[in-house]
Amino acid sequence: MAVNHLQDYYANVIDSVGDGVVVIAEEGGITLINPAAEELVGVSRRQAMGLHFTSLFRGEDLLLEMIEKTTRTGMTISDHENIVLKKTGHPIPVGATTSPLLMANGERIGTILLLRDLTNIRDLEEAVRHADRLSSLGALAAGLAHEIKNPLGGIKGAAQLLAMELPEGSEQRDYLRVVLKEVQRVNRIVEELLELAAPRKLELAPVNLHKILGDIIVLQKRSVDDREITFQQQFDPSIPPILADEALLTQLFLNLIKNGVEAVGDTGQVRVSSRVLADYSMTQKGERRSRMVAIEVSDDGPGIGKEQLEHLFTPFYTTKSKGTGLGLAICQKIVAEHRGMIKVESEPGRGTTFTVMLPLIQ
C-alpha cells in the first residue's frame, strides 16, 4: 500500500510539472509523457505510450538527433534556440534537454526529454527590442515636433488674419479654410508625436478595468446605432482593481475597441474579455512576484496579413486612408509604461485579436 501511494505521489509530481516530460526506454519506446508534453507535442498519453520516439517526433530532426546521441553516449544535451515543434498546427519554439535516466547503481535504462515552451519568452524579447527602437525614435520625434510647431503656429495665425481681410463668400476664403484644416491635421500629428516621445509621470490609483471597458463599450454602441455591429463582453469577476493610470488605460482601450469597430465595417462583432493569466507572471526588483491580467479585444473583420502584422506597431505605418500611424505605437507605449505587454494575432479572413497583459498589482 505504501509503495502504491509513493508511486501515485511521484506520478502526481510529474503530471504537475509545467514543462513537458517524456521518458524514453533504452530500446526507444515512450514509457511516460506528462500533460504539458502532450500539449506541446499534440498527442494524447494513450497515443504516445509504447510508440517509438522516432515516430512521435517524426520531422523534428534536431530533437531526434539529441535523443539518439544521449541514448548512445549518456551525454546531457540542451538546445534553447533552434527547435520548433509543429505537430499542433502552429509552430511552438521550445527549449529541449535530453538526459540519461539512471538507476541508483548508475545503470542507464533510458532517456529523459524535457521540453519548455518558449513562446512567452520570445514575446517578451520582441517587446524589449521594440521598446528600444521606439525610445530612439521618440527622442528624434520630440525634436522634430517642436521644430514643426513653431512655423505651424505662424502659418495658422497668418491664414486667420488673411481670412479676416477677405469678404464673406469669396473664393479665397474657401482656400484659406482648406489651409487651416490642413494645418489642424498636421498639428494633430505633431501632438501625437509629442505624446509618443514625451515621458509622463503615471498618476497611479486603484482602477476598475471592467468599468473602463464597460463605459467605452456603451459609448461605442451609441456611435454605431446605424450599423449592424454587436458587442460581446466576457469579464472575469474575480479581477480586483489594479494600480494604474485611469486616463491612459481609457485612451489605450478606446483606441483598440475603435479599431475593432472600424475593422468590421457595417456588420460584425467586437468582443472584449478579461481573464487572469496562469502562465505569465512578473517580478520587479524589490517587489513580490505578480500575476498578470489579460484583456482581449477581438473583431471578426477581414483580418491582417503577416507582412502588415510585422509593422503594425511601427510609428507612421497605417492601413487606414486617414490614419496617422501613431495610434498603436502610443498604445504600446502606454502598455510599456504600465510594465505590461501587448500582442496581436490575426489572419486574413479570420479577424484580429489584440491582447493587453498588465501586472495584477493592487
Protein backbone atom coordinates (compact mmCIF):
# COMPACT_ATOMS: atom_id res chain seq x y z
CA MET A 1 0.00 0.00 0.00
CA ALA A 2 2.84 2.36 0.90
CA VAL A 3 4.61 1.57 -2.40
CA ASN A 4 1.46 2.29 -4.41
CA HIS A 5 0.95 5.54 -2.51
CA LEU A 6 4.55 6.57 -3.27
CA GLN A 7 4.09 5.72 -6.97
CA ASP A 8 0.93 7.84 -7.10
CA TYR A 9 2.75 10.67 -5.34
CA TYR A 10 5.62 10.69 -7.88
CA ALA A 11 3.15 10.37 -10.78
CA ASN A 12 1.31 13.46 -9.49
CA VAL A 13 4.59 15.36 -9.20
CA ILE A 14 5.48 14.61 -12.86
CA ASP A 15 1.98 15.49 -14.05
CA SER A 16 2.07 18.79 -12.17
CA VAL A 17 5.37 19.95 -13.70
CA GLY A 18 4.78 22.90 -16.05
CA ASP A 19 7.43 21.71 -18.51
CA GLY A 20 6.94 18.75 -20.80
CA VAL A 21 8.47 15.46 -19.58
CA VAL A 22 8.90 12.46 -21.88
CA VAL A 23 10.64 9.26 -20.72
CA ILE A 24 12.08 7.02 -23.42
CA ALA A 25 13.15 3.42 -22.72
CA GLU A 26 16.55 2.11 -23.80
CA GLU A 27 15.03 0.44 -26.89
CA GLY A 28 13.31 3.72 -27.88
CA GLY A 29 9.69 3.27 -26.75
CA ILE A 30 7.81 6.03 -24.87
CA THR A 31 7.15 4.91 -21.28
CA LEU A 32 5.89 8.19 -19.77
CA ILE A 33 4.55 11.51 -21.03
CA ASN A 34 3.07 14.21 -18.80
CA PRO A 35 0.16 16.57 -19.69
CA ALA A 36 2.46 19.50 -20.56
CA ALA A 37 4.31 17.33 -23.09
CA GLU A 38 1.00 16.05 -24.52
CA GLU A 39 0.01 19.65 -25.21
CA LEU A 40 3.35 20.61 -26.79
CA VAL A 41 3.66 17.51 -28.95
CA GLY A 42 -0.02 17.36 -29.88
CA VAL A 43 -0.72 13.73 -28.91
CA SER A 44 -2.53 12.09 -26.01
CA ARG A 45 -0.85 9.81 -23.48
CA ARG A 46 -2.82 6.87 -24.86
CA GLN A 47 -1.49 7.54 -28.39
CA ALA A 48 2.09 8.08 -27.25
CA MET A 49 2.63 5.19 -24.82
CA GLY A 50 4.76 2.46 -26.41
CA LEU A 51 5.30 4.48 -29.58
CA HIS A 52 8.93 4.69 -30.76
CA PHE A 53 10.37 8.16 -30.27
CA THR A 54 11.28 8.42 -33.99
CA SER A 55 7.56 8.12 -34.80
CA LEU A 56 6.47 10.57 -32.10
CA PHE A 57 8.96 13.24 -33.24
CA ARG A 58 8.97 12.49 -36.98
CA GLY A 59 10.22 15.53 -38.88
CA GLU A 60 11.83 17.13 -35.80
CA ASP A 61 15.39 16.32 -36.93
CA LEU A 62 17.28 18.32 -34.27
CA LEU A 63 15.27 16.75 -31.47
CA LEU A 64 15.73 13.24 -32.88
CA GLU A 65 19.47 13.84 -33.12
CA MET A 66 19.63 14.94 -29.45
CA ILE A 67 17.68 11.89 -28.22
CA GLU A 68 19.78 9.49 -30.31
CA LYS A 69 23.04 11.00 -29.09
CA THR A 70 22.01 10.85 -25.40
CA THR A 71 20.75 7.27 -25.85
CA ARG A 72 24.04 6.29 -27.47
CA THR A 73 26.53 8.15 -25.26
CA GLY A 74 24.77 9.03 -22.00
CA MET A 75 25.57 12.73 -22.50
CA THR A 76 23.21 15.50 -21.40
CA ILE A 77 22.40 17.84 -24.31
CA SER A 78 20.49 21.13 -24.35
CA ASP A 79 19.20 23.38 -27.14
CA HIS A 80 17.17 26.52 -26.34
CA GLU A 81 17.47 28.30 -29.69
CA ASN A 82 16.75 26.12 -32.70
CA ILE A 83 13.89 23.68 -32.03
CA VAL A 84 10.36 24.45 -33.17
CA LEU A 85 7.58 21.87 -32.72
CA LYS A 86 4.94 21.89 -35.47
CA LYS A 87 2.69 18.93 -34.58
CA THR A 88 -0.12 21.07 -33.06
CA GLY A 89 -0.71 23.01 -36.26
CA HIS A 90 1.06 26.20 -35.15
CA PRO A 91 4.84 26.44 -34.55
CA ILE A 92 5.94 26.35 -30.90
CA PRO A 93 9.55 27.34 -30.10
CA VAL A 94 10.85 25.08 -27.33
CA GLY A 95 13.93 24.63 -25.21
CA ALA A 96 14.89 20.95 -25.06
CA THR A 97 17.18 18.96 -22.77
CA THR A 98 17.92 15.25 -23.07
CA SER A 99 19.46 13.47 -20.07
CA PRO A 100 20.21 9.82 -19.29
CA LEU A 101 17.77 8.02 -16.96
CA LEU A 102 19.92 6.24 -14.37
CA MET A 103 19.26 3.60 -11.72
CA ALA A 104 20.69 4.05 -8.22
CA ASN A 105 23.65 1.82 -9.20
CA GLY A 106 24.44 4.00 -12.23
CA GLU A 107 22.93 1.68 -14.83
CA ARG A 108 21.46 3.60 -17.78
CA ILE A 109 17.88 2.47 -18.51
CA GLY A 110 16.61 5.19 -20.82
CA THR A 111 16.47 8.89 -21.69
CA ILE A 112 14.51 11.79 -20.20
CA LEU A 113 13.42 14.57 -22.56
CA LEU A 114 12.43 17.94 -21.01
CA LEU A 115 10.53 20.42 -23.20
CA ARG A 116 9.90 24.06 -22.24
CA ASP A 117 7.53 26.28 -24.22
CA LEU A 118 9.49 29.45 -25.13
CA THR A 119 6.62 31.30 -26.81
CA ASN A 120 6.15 33.73 -23.90
CA ILE A 121 9.90 34.35 -23.63
CA ARG A 122 10.14 35.13 -27.36
CA ASP A 123 7.20 37.56 -26.98
CA LEU A 124 8.99 39.33 -24.11
CA GLU A 125 12.27 39.53 -26.07
CA GLU A 126 10.47 41.06 -29.06
CA ALA A 127 8.67 43.55 -26.78
CA VAL A 128 12.01 44.69 -25.31
CA ARG A 129 13.56 45.09 -28.79
CA HIS A 130 10.59 47.11 -29.99
CA ALA A 131 10.66 49.32 -26.88
CA ASP A 132 14.34 50.11 -27.53
CA ARG A 133 13.58 51.11 -31.14
CA LEU A 134 10.60 53.19 -30.01
CA SER A 135 12.71 55.01 -27.41
CA SER A 136 15.30 56.06 -30.03
CA LEU A 137 12.62 57.16 -32.45
CA GLY A 138 10.80 59.03 -29.69
CA ALA A 139 13.80 61.24 -28.95
CA LEU A 140 14.09 62.16 -32.63
CA ALA A 141 10.33 62.72 -32.92
CA ALA A 142 10.26 65.10 -29.94
CA GLY A 143 12.89 67.34 -31.55
CA LEU A 144 11.11 67.35 -34.91
CA ALA A 145 7.74 68.04 -33.33
CA HIS A 146 8.99 71.13 -31.52
CA GLU A 147 10.64 72.42 -34.72
CA ILE A 148 7.42 71.92 -36.69
CA LYS A 149 5.06 73.52 -34.13
CA ASN A 150 6.68 76.97 -34.32
CA PRO A 151 6.29 77.61 -38.09
CA LEU A 152 2.90 75.85 -37.97
CA GLY A 153 1.66 78.43 -35.48
CA GLY A 154 2.87 81.20 -37.79
CA ILE A 155 1.06 79.71 -40.80
CA LYS A 156 -2.17 79.34 -38.82
CA GLY A 157 -2.02 82.93 -37.49
CA ALA A 158 -1.28 84.41 -40.91
CA ALA A 159 -4.13 82.43 -42.53
CA GLN A 160 -6.60 83.61 -39.86
CA LEU A 161 -5.54 87.27 -40.29
CA LEU A 162 -5.80 87.00 -44.07
CA ALA A 163 -9.28 85.47 -43.81
CA MET A 164 -10.43 88.49 -41.77
CA GLU A 165 -9.36 90.81 -44.61
CA LEU A 166 -11.36 88.97 -47.26
CA PRO A 167 -15.08 89.47 -47.89
CA GLU A 168 -17.52 86.74 -46.78
CA GLY A 169 -18.25 84.23 -49.54
CA SER A 170 -15.08 84.92 -51.55
CA GLU A 171 -13.29 82.01 -53.24
CA GLN A 172 -10.04 82.94 -51.50
CA ARG A 173 -11.73 82.36 -48.12
CA ASP A 174 -12.52 78.80 -49.20
CA TYR A 175 -8.84 78.27 -49.98
CA LEU A 176 -7.87 79.60 -46.56
CA ARG A 177 -10.35 77.23 -44.88
CA VAL A 178 -8.52 74.36 -46.62
CA VAL A 179 -5.18 75.75 -45.36
CA LEU A 180 -6.47 75.98 -41.77
CA LYS A 181 -7.97 72.47 -41.95
CA GLU A 182 -4.66 71.01 -43.14
CA VAL A 183 -2.72 72.98 -40.51
CA GLN A 184 -5.02 71.47 -37.89
CA ARG A 185 -4.34 67.98 -39.28
CA VAL A 186 -0.57 68.49 -39.18
CA ASN A 187 -0.87 69.88 -35.65
CA ARG A 188 -2.76 66.73 -34.57
CA ILE A 189 0.07 64.57 -35.93
CA VAL A 190 2.62 66.72 -34.09
CA GLU A 191 0.65 66.41 -30.83
CA GLU A 192 0.57 62.62 -31.23
CA LEU A 193 4.31 62.63 -31.90
CA LEU A 194 4.93 64.55 -28.69
CA GLU A 195 2.63 62.17 -26.82
CA LEU A 196 4.65 59.25 -28.16
CA ALA A 197 8.00 60.81 -27.29
CA ALA A 198 7.44 62.75 -24.08
CA PRO A 199 7.97 60.94 -20.78
CA ARG A 200 4.98 61.23 -18.48
CA LYS A 201 4.66 60.51 -14.80
CA LEU A 202 1.90 57.96 -14.28
CA GLU A 203 -0.92 59.01 -11.95
CA LEU A 204 -1.36 55.64 -10.28
CA ALA A 205 -4.52 54.78 -8.39
CA PRO A 206 -6.77 51.71 -7.99
CA VAL A 207 -8.54 51.28 -11.34
CA ASN A 208 -11.56 49.12 -12.12
CA LEU A 209 -10.72 47.71 -15.56
CA HIS A 210 -14.24 46.47 -16.16
CA LYS A 211 -15.76 49.92 -15.53
CA ILE A 212 -13.37 51.46 -18.08
CA LEU A 213 -14.16 48.79 -20.66
CA GLY A 214 -17.90 48.89 -19.95
CA ASP A 215 -18.07 52.69 -20.34
CA ILE A 216 -16.15 52.57 -23.64
CA ILE A 217 -18.45 49.84 -25.00
CA VAL A 218 -21.56 51.86 -24.05
CA LEU A 219 -20.21 54.91 -25.94
CA GLN A 220 -19.22 52.84 -28.97
CA LYS A 221 -22.67 51.21 -29.10
CA ARG A 222 -24.23 54.68 -29.36
CA SER A 223 -21.84 55.71 -32.13
CA VAL A 224 -22.77 52.71 -34.33
CA ASP A 225 -26.56 52.83 -33.94
CA ASP A 226 -26.97 52.87 -37.72
CA ARG A 227 -24.80 49.78 -38.27
CA GLU A 228 -25.31 46.09 -37.53
CA ILE A 229 -22.42 45.78 -35.07
CA THR A 230 -22.79 43.73 -31.89
CA PHE A 231 -20.61 43.93 -28.79
CA GLN A 232 -19.90 40.94 -26.61
CA GLN A 233 -18.22 41.27 -23.22
CA GLN A 234 -16.97 38.49 -21.00
CA PHE A 235 -15.27 39.72 -17.84
CA ASP A 236 -13.72 37.68 -15.04
CA PRO A 237 -15.47 38.98 -11.90
CA SER A 238 -12.59 37.85 -9.67
CA ILE A 239 -10.22 40.50 -11.11
CA PRO A 240 -9.77 43.23 -8.47
CA PRO A 241 -8.96 46.91 -9.14
CA ILE A 242 -5.34 47.26 -10.31
CA LEU A 243 -2.83 50.04 -9.75
CA ALA A 244 -2.75 52.06 -12.99
CA ASP A 245 -3.29 55.42 -14.68
CA GLU A 246 -7.03 55.51 -15.49
CA ALA A 247 -6.79 58.19 -18.18
CA LEU A 248 -4.07 56.34 -20.06
CA LEU A 249 -5.84 52.97 -19.84
CA THR A 250 -9.03 54.63 -21.12
CA GLN A 251 -7.07 56.01 -24.08
CA LEU A 252 -5.49 52.60 -24.69
CA PHE A 253 -8.69 50.55 -24.72
CA LEU A 254 -10.71 53.22 -26.54
CA ASN A 255 -8.16 53.07 -29.36
CA LEU A 256 -8.22 49.26 -29.53
CA ILE A 257 -12.03 48.98 -29.39
CA LYS A 258 -12.47 51.73 -32.01
CA ASN A 259 -10.01 49.87 -34.24
CA GLY A 260 -12.17 46.76 -33.86
CA VAL A 261 -15.30 48.72 -34.77
CA GLU A 262 -13.61 50.20 -37.84
CA ALA A 263 -12.35 46.74 -38.88
CA VAL A 264 -15.81 45.12 -39.01
CA GLY A 265 -17.32 47.89 -41.13
CA ASP A 266 -21.13 47.91 -41.23
CA THR A 267 -21.73 44.35 -39.99
CA GLY A 268 -19.82 42.26 -37.47
CA GLN A 269 -18.95 41.60 -33.85
CA VAL A 270 -16.44 43.10 -31.41
CA ARG A 271 -15.65 41.00 -28.35
CA VAL A 272 -13.96 42.28 -25.18
CA SER A 273 -12.90 39.83 -22.47
CA SER A 274 -10.69 39.71 -19.37
CA ARG A 275 -9.01 36.85 -17.52
CA VAL A 276 -6.16 36.17 -15.12
CA LEU A 277 -3.15 34.56 -16.81
CA ALA A 278 -1.85 31.42 -15.14
CA ASP A 279 1.25 31.12 -17.35
CA TYR A 280 2.50 34.73 -17.14
CA SER A 281 3.97 36.45 -14.10
CA MET A 282 6.49 39.19 -13.49
CA THR A 283 8.92 40.18 -10.80
CA GLN A 284 10.12 43.74 -10.27
CA LYS A 285 13.23 44.27 -8.17
CA GLY A 286 12.21 44.82 -4.57
CA GLU A 287 8.67 43.62 -5.16
CA ARG A 288 6.90 40.32 -4.75
CA ARG A 289 6.03 38.20 -7.76
CA SER A 290 2.87 39.40 -9.50
CA ARG A 291 0.41 37.57 -11.72
CA MET A 292 -0.90 39.25 -14.85
CA VAL A 293 -4.34 40.00 -16.22
CA ALA A 294 -5.15 39.78 -19.94
CA ILE A 295 -7.69 41.96 -21.74
CA GLU A 296 -8.54 40.75 -25.24
CA VAL A 297 -10.21 42.90 -27.89
CA SER A 298 -11.30 40.77 -30.85
CA ASP A 299 -13.16 41.50 -34.06
CA ASP A 300 -14.45 39.28 -36.86
CA GLY A 301 -13.32 41.69 -39.56
CA PRO A 302 -11.19 40.90 -42.62
CA GLY A 303 -8.03 40.26 -40.60
CA ILE A 304 -4.46 41.40 -41.24
CA GLY A 305 -1.79 39.81 -43.43
CA LYS A 306 1.51 38.58 -41.99
CA GLU A 307 3.53 41.33 -43.72
CA GLN A 308 1.33 44.04 -42.19
CA LEU A 309 1.38 42.41 -38.74
CA GLU A 310 5.17 42.78 -38.55
CA HIS A 311 4.90 46.59 -38.89
CA LEU A 312 1.66 47.21 -37.02
CA PHE A 313 3.25 48.98 -34.01
CA THR A 314 5.76 50.93 -36.11
CA PRO A 315 5.15 54.70 -35.97
CA PHE A 316 3.60 56.15 -39.17
CA TYR A 317 2.71 52.71 -40.52
CA THR A 318 -1.03 52.61 -41.19
CA THR A 319 -3.53 50.69 -43.30
CA LYS A 320 -6.18 53.42 -42.92
CA SER A 321 -6.68 56.12 -45.56
CA LYS A 322 -6.98 58.85 -42.89
CA GLY A 323 -4.79 57.36 -40.18
CA THR A 324 -1.56 58.87 -38.86
CA GLY A 325 0.02 55.51 -37.98
CA LEU A 326 0.70 56.63 -34.40
CA GLY A 327 -2.30 55.18 -32.55
CA LEU A 328 -0.95 51.67 -31.96
CA ALA A 329 2.56 52.98 -31.24
CA ILE A 330 1.04 55.14 -28.47
CA CYS A 331 -0.94 52.11 -27.23
CA GLN A 332 2.27 50.12 -26.97
CA LYS A 333 3.95 52.99 -25.09
CA ILE A 334 1.07 53.13 -22.56
CA VAL A 335 1.28 49.36 -22.01
CA ALA A 336 5.09 49.51 -21.60
CA GLU A 337 4.76 52.36 -19.05
CA HIS A 338 2.48 50.05 -17.03
CA ARG A 339 5.13 47.28 -17.27
CA GLY A 340 2.89 45.14 -19.43
CA MET A 341 2.84 43.65 -22.91
CA ILE A 342 0.63 43.96 -25.99
CA LYS A 343 0.45 41.46 -28.82
CA VAL A 344 -1.73 40.89 -31.86
CA GLU A 345 -2.91 37.74 -33.61
CA SER A 346 -4.61 37.85 -36.98
CA GLU A 347 -5.12 36.04 -40.25
CA PRO A 348 -6.83 37.26 -43.42
CA GLY A 349 -10.49 36.27 -43.27
CA ARG A 350 -10.35 35.24 -39.59
CA GLY A 351 -10.45 38.55 -37.71
CA THR A 352 -7.97 40.14 -35.31
CA THR A 353 -7.30 39.87 -31.58
CA PHE A 354 -5.28 42.37 -29.55
CA THR A 355 -4.18 41.09 -26.14
CA VAL A 356 -3.04 43.54 -23.44
CA MET A 357 -1.27 41.98 -20.45
CA LEU A 358 -0.94 44.07 -17.29
CA PRO A 359 0.54 43.19 -13.88
CA LEU A 360 -2.14 42.38 -11.32
CA ILE A 361 -0.80 44.86 -8.76
CA GLN A 362 -3.20 46.27 -6.16
